[in-house]
Protein backbone atom coordinates (compact mmCIF):
# COMPACT_ATOMS: atom_id res chain seq x y z
CA MET A 1 24.96 7.27 11.02
CA PRO A 2 21.73 6.14 11.35
CA LYS A 3 20.44 2.73 9.91
CA PHE A 4 16.77 2.59 9.69
CA LEU A 5 14.20 -0.47 9.18
CA VAL A 6 10.68 0.40 8.45
CA ILE A 7 8.19 -2.35 9.64
CA GLN A 8 4.83 -2.79 8.10
CA THR A 9 3.54 -6.49 7.53
CA ALA A 10 -0.05 -5.91 7.01
CA PHE A 11 -2.27 -5.54 3.79
CA THR A 12 -1.28 -3.88 0.60
CA GLY A 13 -2.73 -0.56 1.18
CA ASP A 14 -0.87 -0.21 4.54
CA VAL A 15 2.40 -0.84 3.03
CA VAL A 16 1.68 2.00 0.35
CA LEU A 17 0.90 4.24 3.00
CA ALA A 18 3.99 3.60 5.03
CA THR A 19 5.92 4.53 1.77
CA ALA A 20 5.58 8.27 3.43
CA LEU A 21 8.01 7.38 5.84
CA ILE A 22 10.72 6.37 3.58
CA GLU A 23 10.21 9.63 1.66
CA GLN A 24 10.82 11.80 5.08
CA LEU A 25 13.68 9.42 6.15
CA GLN A 26 15.43 9.91 2.57
CA GLN A 27 14.94 13.73 2.85
CA PHE A 28 15.79 14.20 6.37
CA HIS A 29 18.71 11.52 6.29
CA PRO A 30 19.89 11.37 2.74
CA GLN A 31 23.24 9.38 3.45
CA SER A 32 21.63 6.63 5.75
CA ASP A 33 20.60 3.31 4.73
CA ILE A 34 16.72 2.78 4.75
CA ASP A 35 15.17 -0.78 4.92
CA PHE A 36 11.79 -2.19 4.79
CA LEU A 37 10.02 -5.52 6.16
CA LEU A 38 6.86 -6.48 4.52
CA ARG A 39 4.79 -9.74 4.32
CA LYS A 40 5.37 -12.42 1.32
CA GLY A 41 3.29 -10.94 -1.77
CA ASN A 42 3.66 -7.56 -1.34
CA GLU A 43 7.40 -7.05 -2.11
CA GLY A 44 6.53 -6.24 -5.58
CA LEU A 45 5.33 -2.98 -4.35
CA LEU A 46 8.95 -1.91 -3.13
CA GLU A 47 11.31 -3.91 -5.37
CA GLY A 48 13.38 -1.21 -7.24
CA HIS A 49 12.37 1.27 -4.86
CA PRO A 50 15.26 4.02 -5.28
CA PHE A 51 15.66 4.88 -1.66
CA ILE A 52 15.43 1.19 0.09
CA LYS A 53 18.69 -0.54 0.35
CA LYS A 54 17.34 -3.94 1.37
CA LEU A 55 13.85 -5.29 1.51
CA TRP A 56 13.07 -7.84 4.28
CA VAL A 57 10.32 -10.55 3.26
CA TRP A 58 8.51 -12.41 6.09
CA ASP A 59 6.63 -15.89 4.62
CA LYS A 60 3.53 -15.90 6.64
CA GLN A 61 1.92 -18.85 4.97
CA LYS A 62 4.61 -21.37 5.22
CA ASN A 63 6.33 -22.30 8.70
CA LYS A 64 5.45 -18.99 9.73
CA THR A 65 6.55 -18.85 13.27
CA GLN A 66 9.91 -20.67 12.26
CA ASN A 67 10.53 -17.92 9.59
CA LEU A 68 9.72 -15.22 12.17
CA LEU A 69 12.28 -15.99 14.39
CA LYS A 70 14.98 -16.73 11.95
CA LEU A 71 14.20 -13.50 10.44
CA ALA A 72 14.35 -11.57 13.65
CA PHE A 73 17.78 -12.86 14.41
CA GLU A 74 18.84 -12.02 10.86
CA ILE A 75 17.74 -8.34 11.41
CA ARG A 76 19.37 -8.34 14.66
CA LYS A 77 22.69 -8.91 13.08
CA ALA A 78 22.09 -6.02 10.63
CA HIS A 79 22.55 -3.67 13.82
CA TYR A 80 19.69 -1.25 13.03
CA THR A 81 19.86 2.10 14.88
CA HIS A 82 16.26 2.75 14.37
CA VAL A 83 13.42 0.19 13.76
CA ILE A 84 10.00 2.10 13.02
CA ASN A 85 7.18 -0.44 13.87
CA VAL A 86 3.94 0.74 12.04
CA HIS A 87 2.39 -2.66 12.66
CA ARG A 88 0.51 -3.15 15.78
CA PHE A 89 0.38 -6.72 16.45
CA ALA A 90 2.83 -8.84 18.18
CA THR A 91 4.97 -10.70 15.54
CA SER A 92 6.38 -7.33 14.62
CA GLY A 93 6.43 -6.26 18.18
CA LEU A 94 8.65 -9.26 18.86
CA ILE A 95 11.16 -8.69 15.56
CA THR A 96 11.32 -4.79 16.94
CA PHE A 97 11.86 -6.10 20.66
CA LEU A 98 14.81 -8.47 19.62
CA SER A 99 16.29 -6.05 17.08
CA GLY A 100 18.72 -4.70 19.22
CA ALA A 101 18.08 -1.06 18.04
CA LYS A 102 18.75 1.74 20.54
CA SER A 103 15.71 3.69 19.01
CA LYS A 104 12.52 1.48 18.79
CA ALA A 105 9.53 3.36 17.72
CA GLY A 106 5.69 2.12 17.43
CA PHE A 107 2.26 2.36 18.52
CA ASP A 108 1.03 1.76 22.12
CA LYS A 109 -1.52 -1.02 20.78
CA ASN A 110 1.40 -3.72 20.14
CA PRO A 111 1.71 -5.96 23.09
CA PHE A 112 5.37 -5.38 22.87
CA SER A 113 5.01 -1.74 23.16
CA PHE A 114 7.02 -2.10 26.34
CA CYS A 115 10.07 -2.19 24.87
CA TYR A 116 9.59 1.13 22.42
CA THR A 117 11.84 4.16 23.23
CA LYS A 118 9.19 5.98 21.61
CA LYS A 119 5.70 4.71 22.08
CA VAL A 120 2.54 6.62 20.33
CA ARG A 121 -1.10 6.23 20.87
CA HIS A 122 -3.09 4.77 18.16
CA ILE A 123 -6.16 6.35 17.61
CA ILE A 124 -8.74 5.59 14.33
CA SER A 125 -10.83 8.71 13.84
CA GLU A 126 -14.16 8.92 12.15
CA PRO A 127 -14.01 10.01 8.68
CA TYR A 128 -14.85 13.82 8.29
CA SER A 129 -14.54 14.29 12.06
CA ALA A 130 -12.95 17.65 13.50
CA ASN A 131 -9.86 15.62 14.79
CA PHE A 132 -9.71 13.33 11.73
CA VAL A 133 -6.26 11.86 11.47
CA HIS A 134 -4.84 10.19 8.31
CA GLU A 135 -2.82 7.17 8.45
CA THR A 136 0.09 8.77 7.12
CA GLU A 137 0.17 11.49 9.85
CA ARG A 138 -0.52 8.99 12.54
CA ASN A 139 2.74 7.25 11.13
CA GLN A 140 4.70 10.33 10.97
CA MET A 141 4.10 10.67 14.76
CA LEU A 142 6.59 7.85 14.92
CA ILE A 143 9.56 9.72 13.14
CA ALA A 144 8.49 13.35 13.77
CA ASP A 145 11.34 13.72 16.41
CA ILE A 146 13.77 12.95 13.70
CA THR A 147 12.01 14.57 10.51
CA THR A 148 9.21 16.57 10.87
CA LYS A 149 5.53 16.81 12.05
CA GLU A 150 3.97 17.02 8.74
CA ALA A 151 3.65 13.98 6.71
CA ALA A 152 4.70 13.12 3.27
CA PHE A 153 2.74 11.67 0.61
CA PRO A 154 3.25 8.09 -0.15
CA LYS A 155 4.94 7.51 -3.47
CA LEU A 156 5.49 4.17 -5.68
CA TYR A 157 8.01 4.12 -8.36
CA PRO A 158 7.04 1.86 -11.13
CA GLN A 159 10.11 0.79 -13.24
CA ALA A 160 10.64 0.81 -16.91
CA LYS A 161 9.81 -2.87 -17.71
CA ASP A 162 6.32 -2.03 -15.92
CA TYR A 163 5.44 0.68 -18.49
CA GLU A 164 6.60 -1.27 -21.51
CA LYS A 165 4.58 -4.32 -20.07
CA VAL A 166 1.47 -2.30 -20.75
CA LYS A 167 2.46 0.14 -23.64
CA HIS A 168 -0.17 -1.62 -25.99
CA LEU A 169 -3.15 -1.16 -23.96
CA LYS A 170 -2.71 2.75 -23.91
CA ASN A 171 -3.40 3.14 -27.49
CA LYS A 172 -6.78 5.09 -26.74
CA LEU A 173 -8.15 6.92 -23.82
CA TYR A 174 -9.03 4.52 -21.04
CA VAL A 175 -10.61 3.96 -17.52
CA CYS A 176 -9.51 1.75 -15.08
CA ILE A 177 -11.74 -0.03 -12.60
CA SER A 178 -10.65 -2.09 -9.64
CA PRO A 179 -14.09 -3.55 -8.49
CA ALA A 180 -12.92 -5.92 -5.33
CA SER A 181 -11.69 -5.01 -2.06
CA VAL A 182 -10.31 -7.21 0.90
CA TRP A 183 -13.03 -6.09 3.31
CA PHE A 184 -16.58 -6.98 1.28
CA THR A 185 -18.24 -4.58 3.54
CA LYS A 186 -16.12 -1.82 1.59
CA GLN A 187 -17.10 -3.17 -1.89
CA PHE A 188 -19.24 -1.21 -4.27
CA PRO A 189 -22.19 -3.49 -5.19
CA MET A 190 -21.31 -5.50 -8.57
CA GLU A 191 -24.51 -4.29 -10.27
CA LYS A 192 -23.56 -0.71 -9.23
CA TRP A 193 -20.16 -1.04 -11.04
CA VAL A 194 -22.24 -2.42 -14.10
CA SER A 195 -24.50 0.67 -14.19
CA LEU A 196 -21.09 2.79 -13.83
CA ILE A 197 -19.37 1.25 -16.52
CA ASP A 198 -22.46 1.48 -18.96
CA MET A 199 -22.60 4.97 -18.60
CA ILE A 200 -18.92 5.57 -19.71
CA PRO A 201 -18.72 6.87 -23.32
CA ALA A 202 -17.45 4.17 -25.97
CA ALA A 203 -14.74 6.32 -26.92
CA TYR A 204 -12.99 5.06 -23.54
CA ASN A 205 -11.29 1.63 -23.39
CA ILE A 206 -12.30 0.39 -19.86
CA TYR A 207 -9.87 -2.15 -17.88
CA LEU A 208 -10.95 -4.36 -14.73
CA LEU A 209 -7.83 -4.46 -12.31
CA GLY A 210 -7.14 -6.90 -9.58
CA GLY A 211 -5.36 -10.30 -8.74
CA PRO A 212 -6.55 -13.79 -9.41
CA SER A 213 -8.91 -14.02 -6.56
CA ASP A 214 -11.15 -10.98 -8.01
CA SER A 215 -11.16 -12.96 -11.53
CA GLU A 216 -14.93 -14.35 -10.77
CA LEU A 217 -16.44 -11.07 -10.00
CA ALA A 218 -14.58 -9.16 -13.12
CA ARG A 219 -16.04 -12.18 -15.36
CA GLU A 220 -19.53 -11.47 -13.70
CA ILE A 221 -19.23 -7.52 -14.24
CA LYS A 222 -18.15 -8.11 -18.08
CA ASN A 223 -20.92 -10.58 -18.74
CA LYS A 224 -23.52 -8.18 -17.50
CA SER A 225 -22.18 -4.96 -19.01
CA SER A 226 -22.91 -3.89 -22.49
CA HIS A 227 -19.78 -1.89 -22.95
CA ALA A 228 -18.06 -3.19 -25.80
CA GLY A 229 -14.57 -1.49 -24.70
CA LEU A 230 -14.46 -3.39 -21.43
CA SER A 231 -11.25 -5.60 -20.79
CA ASP A 232 -10.75 -7.95 -17.72
CA LEU A 233 -7.22 -7.73 -16.92
CA CYS A 234 -7.59 -9.62 -13.09
CA GLY A 235 -4.85 -11.63 -12.55
CA GLN A 236 -2.65 -10.68 -15.73
CA LEU A 237 -0.58 -7.79 -13.96
CA SER A 238 1.69 -7.34 -11.13
CA TYR A 239 1.12 -4.25 -8.78
CA MET A 240 3.42 -2.32 -10.45
CA GLN A 241 2.06 -2.97 -13.94
CA SER A 242 -0.99 -2.11 -12.55
CA VAL A 243 0.12 1.17 -10.69
CA ALA A 244 1.53 1.82 -14.46
CA MET A 245 -1.95 1.74 -16.00
CA ILE A 246 -3.35 3.50 -13.19
CA GLN A 247 -0.98 6.41 -13.80
CA ASP A 248 -2.26 7.32 -17.26
CA ALA A 249 -5.96 6.59 -16.95
CA ALA A 250 -8.41 9.51 -17.45
CA MET A 251 -10.09 8.35 -14.41
CA ASN A 252 -9.80 5.18 -11.96
CA TYR A 253 -12.69 3.99 -9.94
CA THR A 254 -12.10 1.93 -6.93
CA ASN A 255 -13.13 0.98 -3.54
CA ASP A 256 -11.80 2.32 -0.26
CA SER A 257 -8.54 -0.40 -0.78
CA ALA A 258 -5.23 -0.74 -1.93
CA PRO A 259 -5.99 0.57 -5.64
CA LEU A 260 -6.91 4.03 -4.11
CA HIS A 261 -3.74 4.18 -2.43
CA PHE A 262 -2.21 3.26 -5.82
CA ALA A 263 -3.57 6.31 -7.46
CA SER A 264 -2.47 8.67 -4.48
CA ALA A 265 0.91 7.51 -4.38
CA ILE A 266 1.38 8.52 -8.26
CA ASP A 267 -0.85 11.48 -8.40
CA ALA A 268 -3.41 9.74 -10.68
CA PRO A 269 -6.96 10.78 -10.44
CA VAL A 270 -9.37 8.79 -8.68
CA THR A 271 -12.92 8.19 -7.17
CA ALA A 272 -13.46 5.88 -4.66
CA PHE A 273 -16.37 4.36 -3.01
CA SER A 274 -16.72 3.14 0.44
CA GLY A 275 -19.82 2.14 1.97
CA ASN A 276 -21.83 5.57 1.88
CA PHE A 277 -18.86 7.91 1.23
CA LEU A 278 -17.62 8.74 -2.04
CA PHE A 279 -13.99 9.97 -2.40
CA SER A 280 -12.63 11.80 -5.64
CA SER A 281 -9.42 13.49 -6.42
């Protein structure tokens, strides 16, 4: 019986998009074990996931190389039949190389792609171009031979404790705004967020979502906004508690960043800003 390991040790949004692979593997191989490797800090996204048997966590911040080698040899002892490496850099390629798996799938940009039994060309296409390929579609190519050519949608699974944590915040209609981004070039200007917030009717509460590092931006927005129902929750909620908030919002506003993928993964309404582009669903 197949035993799968999916590797994505990049950023938060990349992990969310990679959950589409879990959905497909579960559908086509429901009796098989599916494990996932991600970087420390992102594990909260997949804890309690109903289709993941084991979650491997790599600490990149402390003793990076030592932890990598230790992890690689522990993974080798797990005897995976299939390793699907979505990550494109050498560290994950080394883990794939040392895994001992009979089937190793990944992208050609990885320096260890020479060891892959299935190698897919990694092309980043321009948005709205005729040949545009979404990341989930590109990732799906890695498992098309054992599932299908059609990509699944990413999916997240908040737990009951996550909904309970934010229940008191849902006593009236509300909007969620995630104003920050890891990539500053993708970030909607602070003054524009303030203008948007002040146009939202007073009947709605507005919650600013983000991590501790986003608190300074959130405080600045809150100080400059005149909306009486604006609250700053940056640094107060876990990833999945934020997802639980996003799920029931009347609208979610975000940059082209992880919260956009959070909303998509739970089929919540979302409007995203990225440079000159506006996305809405």
